[in-house]
């Protein structure tokens, strides 16, 4: 399916705002990948991503406001550190148990056929 948008002439391409908007609309409404849509339009896929990012950035009103307080972030870090320590301990226990279970049984024990 070839697209009907008119691409600017070769050389240092400058695309109008209308062309960028139409290309983004086509990409979003088609459900196809940026690479496929860009190929149809005769442009490189990173351009679509750049235009989409610029469009999202234009909607921002300025400085990024943190959504969580420092206390909330510190609490999450403590929770994650505790969880990490627990997981590391569990991994060590599993390593040790694997080593023990991998050893041949000692001689003279019931169940050993030697």
C-alpha atoms as a PDB file:
ATOM      1  CA  UNK A   1       0.000   0.000   0.000  1.00  0.00           C
ATOM      2  CA  UNK A   2       1.779   3.108  -1.243  1.00  0.00           C
ATOM      3  CA  UNK A   3       1.122   6.329   0.605  1.00  0.00           C
ATOM      4  CA  UNK A   4      -0.092   9.505  -1.072  1.00  0.00           C
ATOM      5  CA  UNK A   5       2.026  12.022   0.895  1.00  0.00           C
ATOM      6  CA  UNK A   6       4.365  14.130  -1.230  1.00  0.00           C
ATOM      7  CA  UNK A   7       7.970  14.026  -0.037  1.00  0.00           C
ATOM      8  CA  UNK A   8      10.188  17.109  -0.519  1.00  0.00           C
ATOM      9  CA  UNK A   9      12.804  17.087  -3.296  1.00  0.00           C
ATOM     10  CA  UNK A  10      16.214  15.491  -2.698  1.00  0.00           C
ATOM     11  CA  UNK A  11      19.030  17.289  -0.918  1.00  0.00           C
ATOM     12  CA  UNK A  12      18.825  18.605   2.608  1.00  0.00           C
ATOM     13  CA  UNK A  13      15.208  17.718   3.162  1.00  0.00           C
ATOM     14  CA  UNK A  14      13.065  20.020   5.224  1.00  0.00           C
ATOM     15  CA  UNK A  15       9.620  18.728   5.926  1.00  0.00           C
ATOM     16  CA  UNK A  16       6.654  20.961   6.576  1.00  0.00           C
ATOM     17  CA  UNK A  17       4.761  20.693   9.826  1.00  0.00           C
ATOM     18  CA  UNK A  18       1.763  19.466   7.835  1.00  0.00           C
ATOM     19  CA  UNK A  19       3.816  16.654   6.240  1.00  0.00           C
ATOM     20  CA  UNK A  20       5.185  15.603   9.637  1.00  0.00           C
ATOM     21  CA  UNK A  21       1.689  15.586  11.126  1.00  0.00           C
ATOM     22  CA  UNK A  22       0.299  13.535   8.241  1.00  0.00           C
ATOM     23  CA  UNK A  23       3.171  11.047   8.468  1.00  0.00           C
ATOM     24  CA  UNK A  24       2.611  10.618  12.210  1.00  0.00           C
ATOM     25  CA  UNK A  25      -1.139  10.205  11.679  1.00  0.00           C
ATOM     26  CA  UNK A  26      -0.500   7.545   9.036  1.00  0.00           C
ATOM     27  CA  UNK A  27       1.912   5.694  11.325  1.00  0.00           C
ATOM     28  CA  UNK A  28      -0.471   5.764  14.292  1.00  0.00           C
ATOM     29  CA  UNK A  29      -3.612   4.854  12.380  1.00  0.00           C
ATOM     30  CA  UNK A  30      -2.061   2.108  10.247  1.00  0.00           C
ATOM     31  CA  UNK A  31      -1.004  -0.162  13.114  1.00  0.00           C
ATOM     32  CA  UNK A  32       2.226  -0.915  11.255  1.00  0.00           C
ATOM     33  CA  UNK A  33       5.784  -0.414  12.392  1.00  0.00           C
ATOM     34  CA  UNK A  34       7.584   2.875  11.952  1.00  0.00           C
ATOM     35  CA  UNK A  35      10.065   1.159   9.635  1.00  0.00           C
ATOM     36  CA  UNK A  36       7.327   0.007   7.236  1.00  0.00           C
ATOM     37  CA  UNK A  37       5.575   3.364   7.185  1.00  0.00           C
ATOM     38  CA  UNK A  38       8.871   5.239   6.782  1.00  0.00           C
ATOM     39  CA  UNK A  39       9.872   2.974   3.874  1.00  0.00           C
ATOM     40  CA  UNK A  40       6.578   3.704   2.143  1.00  0.00           C
ATOM     41  CA  UNK A  41       7.129   7.417   2.648  1.00  0.00           C
ATOM     42  CA  UNK A  42      10.742   7.219   1.498  1.00  0.00           C
ATOM     43  CA  UNK A  43      12.166   8.507   4.782  1.00  0.00           C
ATOM     44  CA  UNK A  44      14.238   6.931   7.516  1.00  0.00           C
ATOM     45  CA  UNK A  45      12.410   5.424  10.535  1.00  0.00           C
ATOM     46  CA  UNK A  46      14.287   7.533  13.118  1.00  0.00           C
ATOM     47  CA  UNK A  47      12.614  10.617  11.634  1.00  0.00           C
ATOM     48  CA  UNK A  48       9.188   9.348  12.655  1.00  0.00           C
ATOM     49  CA  UNK A  49      10.404   8.682  16.182  1.00  0.00           C
ATOM     50  CA  UNK A  50      12.038  12.121  16.355  1.00  0.00           C
ATOM     51  CA  UNK A  51       8.891  13.846  15.110  1.00  0.00           C
ATOM     52  CA  UNK A  52       6.736  11.928  17.608  1.00  0.00           C
ATOM     53  CA  UNK A  53       9.103  12.836  20.462  1.00  0.00           C
ATOM     54  CA  UNK A  54       9.081  16.499  19.412  1.00  0.00           C
ATOM     55  CA  UNK A  55       5.292  16.452  19.274  1.00  0.00           C
ATOM     56  CA  UNK A  56       5.091  15.005  22.798  1.00  0.00           C
ATOM     57  CA  UNK A  57       7.678  17.520  24.009  1.00  0.00           C
ATOM     58  CA  UNK A  58       5.670  20.409  22.592  1.00  0.00           C
ATOM     59  CA  UNK A  59       2.829  19.448  24.914  1.00  0.00           C
ATOM     60  CA  UNK A  60       5.037  19.725  28.010  1.00  0.00           C
ATOM     61  CA  UNK A  61       4.776  22.961  29.950  1.00  0.00           C
ATOM     62  CA  UNK A  62       8.323  23.129  31.211  1.00  0.00           C
ATOM     63  CA  UNK A  63      10.221  21.567  34.066  1.00  0.00           C
ATOM     64  CA  UNK A  64       9.577  17.939  34.942  1.00  0.00           C
ATOM     65  CA  UNK A  65       7.883  17.602  38.317  1.00  0.00           C
ATOM     66  CA  UNK A  66       8.770  14.534  40.349  1.00  0.00           C
ATOM     67  CA  UNK A  67       5.736  12.388  40.947  1.00  0.00           C
ATOM     68  CA  UNK A  68       6.980  10.910  44.230  1.00  0.00           C
ATOM     69  CA  UNK A  69       8.567  12.504  47.259  1.00  0.00           C
ATOM     70  CA  UNK A  70      12.099  11.802  48.412  1.00  0.00           C
ATOM     71  CA  UNK A  71      10.743   9.883  51.401  1.00  0.00           C
ATOM     72  CA  UNK A  72       8.728   7.593  49.148  1.00  0.00           C
ATOM     73  CA  UNK A  73      11.741   6.962  46.951  1.00  0.00           C
ATOM     74  CA  UNK A  74      13.969   6.221  49.950  1.00  0.00           C
ATOM     75  CA  UNK A  75      11.359   3.802  51.329  1.00  0.00           C
ATOM     76  CA  UNK A  76      11.255   2.008  47.995  1.00  0.00           C
ATOM     77  CA  UNK A  77      15.065   1.794  47.906  1.00  0.00           C
ATOM     78  CA  UNK A  78      15.074   0.261  51.408  1.00  0.00           C
ATOM     79  CA  UNK A  79      12.392  -2.239  50.383  1.00  0.00           C
ATOM     80  CA  UNK A  80      14.284  -3.194  47.237  1.00  0.00           C
ATOM     81  CA  UNK A  81      17.556  -3.599  49.136  1.00  0.00           C
ATOM     82  CA  UNK A  82      15.849  -5.873  51.672  1.00  0.00           C
ATOM     83  CA  UNK A  83      14.290  -7.894  48.874  1.00  0.00           C
ATOM     84  CA  UNK A  84      17.647  -8.138  47.097  1.00  0.00           C
ATOM     85  CA  UNK A  85      19.369  -9.374  50.272  1.00  0.00           C
ATOM     86  CA  UNK A  86      16.655 -12.015  50.756  1.00  0.00           C
ATOM     87  CA  UNK A  87      16.985 -13.212  47.162  1.00  0.00           C
ATOM     88  CA  UNK A  88      20.773 -13.404  47.413  1.00  0.00           C
ATOM     89  CA  UNK A  89      20.448 -15.484  50.579  1.00  0.00           C
ATOM     90  CA  UNK A  90      17.970 -17.823  48.892  1.00  0.00           C
ATOM     91  CA  UNK A  91      20.318 -18.244  45.948  1.00  0.00           C
ATOM     92  CA  UNK A  92      23.212 -19.153  48.243  1.00  0.00           C
ATOM     93  CA  UNK A  93      21.059 -21.739  50.053  1.00  0.00           C
ATOM     94  CA  UNK A  94      20.081 -23.280  46.724  1.00  0.00           C
ATOM     95  CA  UNK A  95      23.715 -23.420  45.608  1.00  0.00           C
ATOM     96  CA  UNK A  96      24.735 -25.171  48.833  1.00  0.00           C
ATOM     97  CA  UNK A  97      21.851 -27.640  48.674  1.00  0.00           C
ATOM     98  CA  UNK A  98      22.703 -28.481  45.069  1.00  0.00           C
ATOM     99  CA  UNK A  99      26.280 -29.197  46.112  1.00  0.00           C
ATOM    100  CA  UNK A 100      25.141 -31.417  48.954  1.00  0.00           C
ATOM    101  CA  UNK A 101      22.643 -33.298  46.799  1.00  0.00           C
ATOM    102  CA  UNK A 102      25.234 -33.784  44.055  1.00  0.00           C
ATOM    103  CA  UNK A 103      27.714 -35.569  46.356  1.00  0.00           C
ATOM    104  CA  UNK A 104      27.744 -39.367  46.258  1.00  0.00           C
ATOM    105  CA  UNK A 105      26.400 -40.965  49.452  1.00  0.00           C
ATOM    106  CA  UNK A 106      29.069 -42.049  51.958  1.00  0.00           C
ATOM    107  CA  UNK A 107      29.949 -45.771  52.090  1.00  0.00           C
ATOM    108  CA  UNK A 108      28.179 -47.923  54.590  1.00  0.00           C
ATOM    109  CA  UNK A 109      24.991 -45.869  54.549  1.00  0.00           C
ATOM    110  CA  UNK A 110      21.731 -47.716  54.034  1.00  0.00           C
ATOM    111  CA  UNK A 111      20.650 -47.540  50.448  1.00  0.00           C
ATOM    112  CA  UNK A 112      24.194 -47.413  49.017  1.00  0.00           C
ATOM    113  CA  UNK A 113      24.970 -50.476  46.891  1.00  0.00           C
ATOM    114  CA  UNK A 114      28.736 -50.386  47.189  1.00  0.00           C
END
